[in-house]
Amino acid sequence: MASKLRVDSILPVDGAPTNGGGGIIQVVQGTVENTEDTFDSTTFAASSLSATITPKFNTSKILIQTTQVVDTKASGRQIYLTIQRSIGGGSYSNIIGGSVGAYVGDYNAGGRQIETAGVTFLDSPTTTSAVTYKVYGKTSSNSYSCTVGGQGTQQIMVLMEVSA
C-alpha cells in the first residue's frame, strides 16, 4: 500500500503570501516565578512580567496572552490589569482601548478574591524593531493594595507573531 500526504496548504516559515494570512511565524514566552507585585494606586504601575519579540514583518500582528494569579487581599477590593508596549526601547504606552484588559474584584462581604487572571490581545505594532510587552496593574482605590504573583506561582506571557 502506498502512503499519501494530503494537505490544504503549507505555510512557509517566513509567513503566508499576501492575502493568505494567519500563519504563526514565531512564538516567544516570558515567565516570572515566585515574584509578587503589589499595586496600591489607581494609576497603572509596571509588574515584573514582560516579554520581547522582534517581528519579521511590519505587517505582522502579535497575539499576546498572559496568565497571572491575582489576590484582592480583602473583601470589596478590585484589581485591573492591562498591557503596555515599548518599541525599540522607547517609552511604554497602553495598547488596550479603554485601558483595562482584565478585572478581578470581590464585592461580597465574604473575604478576599484569589484567582487566575489573564489578558489576551491582538496587537499591530507595524515594526520590525524589538517590541517589549509588559503587564501593568492598578487598584480601584488608593486606600488598599492588591497583588499578582507570589510564592509558589508562575506568571506567564506568550507572544505569537501572526502573518498578515
Protein backbone atom coordinates (compact mmCIF):
# COMPACT_ATOMS: atom_id res chain seq x y z
CA MET A 1 0.00 0.00 0.00
CA ALA A 2 1.39 3.41 -0.97
CA SER A 3 1.47 6.31 1.52
CA LYS A 4 -0.24 9.59 0.68
CA LEU A 5 0.10 13.02 2.24
CA ARG A 6 -2.77 15.40 1.65
CA VAL A 7 -2.88 18.98 2.88
CA ASP A 8 -4.91 22.05 2.04
CA SER A 9 -1.85 24.28 2.20
CA ILE A 10 1.64 24.61 3.62
CA LEU A 11 2.68 27.98 5.01
CA PRO A 12 6.35 28.94 4.79
CA VAL A 13 8.19 29.87 7.98
CA ASP A 14 8.65 33.42 6.62
CA GLY A 15 4.90 33.95 6.62
CA ALA A 16 1.98 33.48 4.33
CA PRO A 17 1.87 35.17 0.94
CA THR A 18 -0.05 38.44 0.61
CA ASN A 19 -3.75 37.97 1.41
CA GLY A 20 -3.06 34.45 2.64
CA GLY A 21 -2.60 35.33 6.35
CA GLY A 22 -2.96 33.53 9.60
CA GLY A 23 0.24 31.52 9.97
CA ILE A 24 2.26 31.58 13.20
CA ILE A 25 5.77 32.81 12.36
CA GLN A 26 7.38 32.69 15.82
CA VAL A 27 6.48 32.22 19.50
CA VAL A 28 8.20 33.84 22.50
CA GLN A 29 7.49 33.21 26.19
CA GLY A 30 8.32 35.30 29.24
CA THR A 31 7.97 33.94 32.77
CA VAL A 32 8.36 35.24 36.30
CA GLU A 33 8.45 32.80 39.22
CA ASN A 34 7.84 33.39 42.93
CA THR A 35 7.68 37.17 42.49
CA GLU A 36 4.85 39.20 43.99
CA ASP A 37 3.97 42.59 42.52
CA THR A 38 1.88 44.92 44.68
CA PHE A 39 -0.42 47.58 43.27
CA ASP A 40 -1.63 50.25 45.70
CA SER A 41 -2.63 53.11 43.42
CA THR A 42 -5.37 53.99 40.93
CA THR A 43 -2.61 54.76 38.42
CA PHE A 44 -1.20 51.88 36.37
CA ALA A 45 2.22 50.62 37.52
CA ALA A 46 4.51 48.05 35.90
CA SER A 47 4.56 44.44 37.02
CA SER A 48 7.54 42.09 36.71
CA LEU A 49 6.00 40.20 33.78
CA SER A 50 7.23 41.10 30.29
CA ALA A 51 8.41 39.52 27.05
CA THR A 52 10.16 40.83 23.93
CA ILE A 53 9.64 39.82 20.32
CA THR A 54 11.19 41.14 17.11
CA PRO A 55 8.64 40.79 14.30
CA LYS A 56 9.98 39.52 10.98
CA PHE A 57 7.48 41.67 9.05
CA ASN A 58 6.00 45.10 9.76
CA THR A 59 2.61 43.77 8.59
CA SER A 60 2.51 41.03 11.25
CA LYS A 61 0.20 41.07 14.22
CA ILE A 62 1.29 39.98 17.70
CA LEU A 63 -1.08 37.81 19.73
CA ILE A 64 -0.44 38.40 23.45
CA GLN A 65 -1.68 36.01 26.15
CA THR A 66 -0.93 36.34 29.86
CA THR A 67 -1.71 34.24 32.92
CA GLN A 68 -1.23 35.51 36.49
CA VAL A 69 -2.52 34.70 39.96
CA VAL A 70 -4.17 37.79 41.46
CA ASP A 71 -5.17 38.48 45.06
CA THR A 72 -7.51 41.31 46.08
CA LYS A 73 -6.36 40.80 49.73
CA ALA A 74 -9.79 41.54 51.26
CA SER A 75 -13.48 41.92 50.51
CA GLY A 76 -14.63 44.82 48.35
CA ARG A 77 -11.32 45.33 46.52
CA GLN A 78 -10.62 45.30 42.81
CA ILE A 79 -7.52 44.91 40.60
CA TYR A 80 -7.22 45.91 36.95
CA LEU A 81 -4.60 44.59 34.51
CA THR A 82 -3.57 45.90 31.11
CA ILE A 83 -0.70 45.51 28.63
CA GLN A 84 1.64 48.28 27.56
CA ARG A 85 4.30 48.10 24.86
CA SER A 86 7.67 49.65 24.10
CA ILE A 87 9.03 49.69 20.54
CA GLY A 88 12.79 49.77 20.10
CA GLY A 89 13.44 50.66 23.74
CA GLY A 90 11.10 53.67 23.74
CA SER A 91 8.60 54.61 26.42
CA TYR A 92 5.69 52.31 27.28
CA SER A 93 2.18 53.10 26.09
CA ASN A 94 -1.14 51.38 26.68
CA ILE A 95 -2.35 49.35 23.70
CA ILE A 96 -5.74 48.22 25.02
CA GLY A 97 -8.66 50.52 24.31
CA GLY A 98 -10.45 51.52 27.49
CA SER A 99 -7.18 50.73 29.31
CA VAL A 100 -8.34 47.54 31.06
CA GLY A 101 -7.63 44.07 29.76
CA ALA A 102 -8.64 42.10 32.88
CA TYR A 103 -10.55 42.84 36.05
CA VAL A 104 -10.89 40.87 39.27
CA GLY A 105 -12.97 42.09 42.15
CA ASP A 106 -14.82 40.93 45.24
CA TYR A 107 -17.84 42.97 46.22
CA ASN A 108 -19.12 40.38 48.70
CA ALA A 109 -18.58 40.67 52.41
CA GLY A 110 -17.10 37.16 52.42
CA GLY A 111 -13.40 37.97 52.06
CA ARG A 112 -10.61 38.18 49.55
CA GLN A 113 -10.66 37.06 45.93
CA ILE A 114 -7.78 34.87 44.69
CA GLU A 115 -7.91 33.59 41.15
CA THR A 116 -6.08 33.27 37.87
CA ALA A 117 -6.50 36.26 35.58
CA GLY A 118 -5.37 36.63 32.02
CA VAL A 119 -5.20 39.24 29.32
CA THR A 120 -5.45 38.37 25.63
CA PHE A 121 -4.94 41.00 22.96
CA LEU A 122 -4.06 41.10 19.25
CA ASP A 123 -1.66 43.99 18.56
CA SER A 124 -0.49 45.55 15.29
CA PRO A 125 2.86 47.19 16.12
CA THR A 126 3.78 47.84 12.42
CA THR A 127 7.51 47.48 13.02
CA THR A 128 10.41 45.07 12.66
CA SER A 129 12.16 46.55 15.72
CA ALA A 130 12.15 44.75 19.08
CA VAL A 131 8.79 45.12 20.83
CA THR A 132 8.55 44.61 24.60
CA TYR A 133 5.16 43.96 26.17
CA LYS A 134 4.68 44.40 29.92
CA VAL A 135 1.72 43.83 32.23
CA TYR A 136 0.62 46.84 34.28
CA GLY A 137 -1.82 46.85 37.18
CA LYS A 138 -3.79 49.19 39.41
CA THR A 139 -6.44 49.12 42.14
CA SER A 140 -9.74 50.94 42.26
CA SER A 141 -8.76 52.82 45.45
CA ASN A 142 -5.58 54.38 46.82
CA SER A 143 -6.54 53.12 50.30
CA TYR A 144 -5.63 49.45 49.76
CA SER A 145 -3.36 47.14 47.78
CA CYS A 146 -3.78 44.08 45.56
CA THR A 147 -1.13 41.70 44.25
CA VAL A 148 -0.20 39.49 41.31
CA GLY A 149 2.12 36.50 41.52
CA GLY A 150 3.79 35.46 44.73
CA GLN A 151 5.38 32.49 46.38
CA GLY A 152 4.83 29.22 44.53
CA THR A 153 3.28 30.83 41.45
CA GLN A 154 4.46 31.46 37.93
CA GLN A 155 3.36 34.39 35.78
CA ILE A 156 3.43 33.69 32.03
CA MET A 157 3.28 35.84 28.90
CA VAL A 158 3.20 34.26 25.43
CA LEU A 159 3.76 36.34 22.29
CA MET A 160 2.91 34.89 18.87
CA GLU A 161 3.77 36.64 15.62
CA VAL A 162 0.90 36.05 13.21
CA SER A 163 1.37 36.70 9.50
CA ALA A 164 -1.00 39.25 7.99
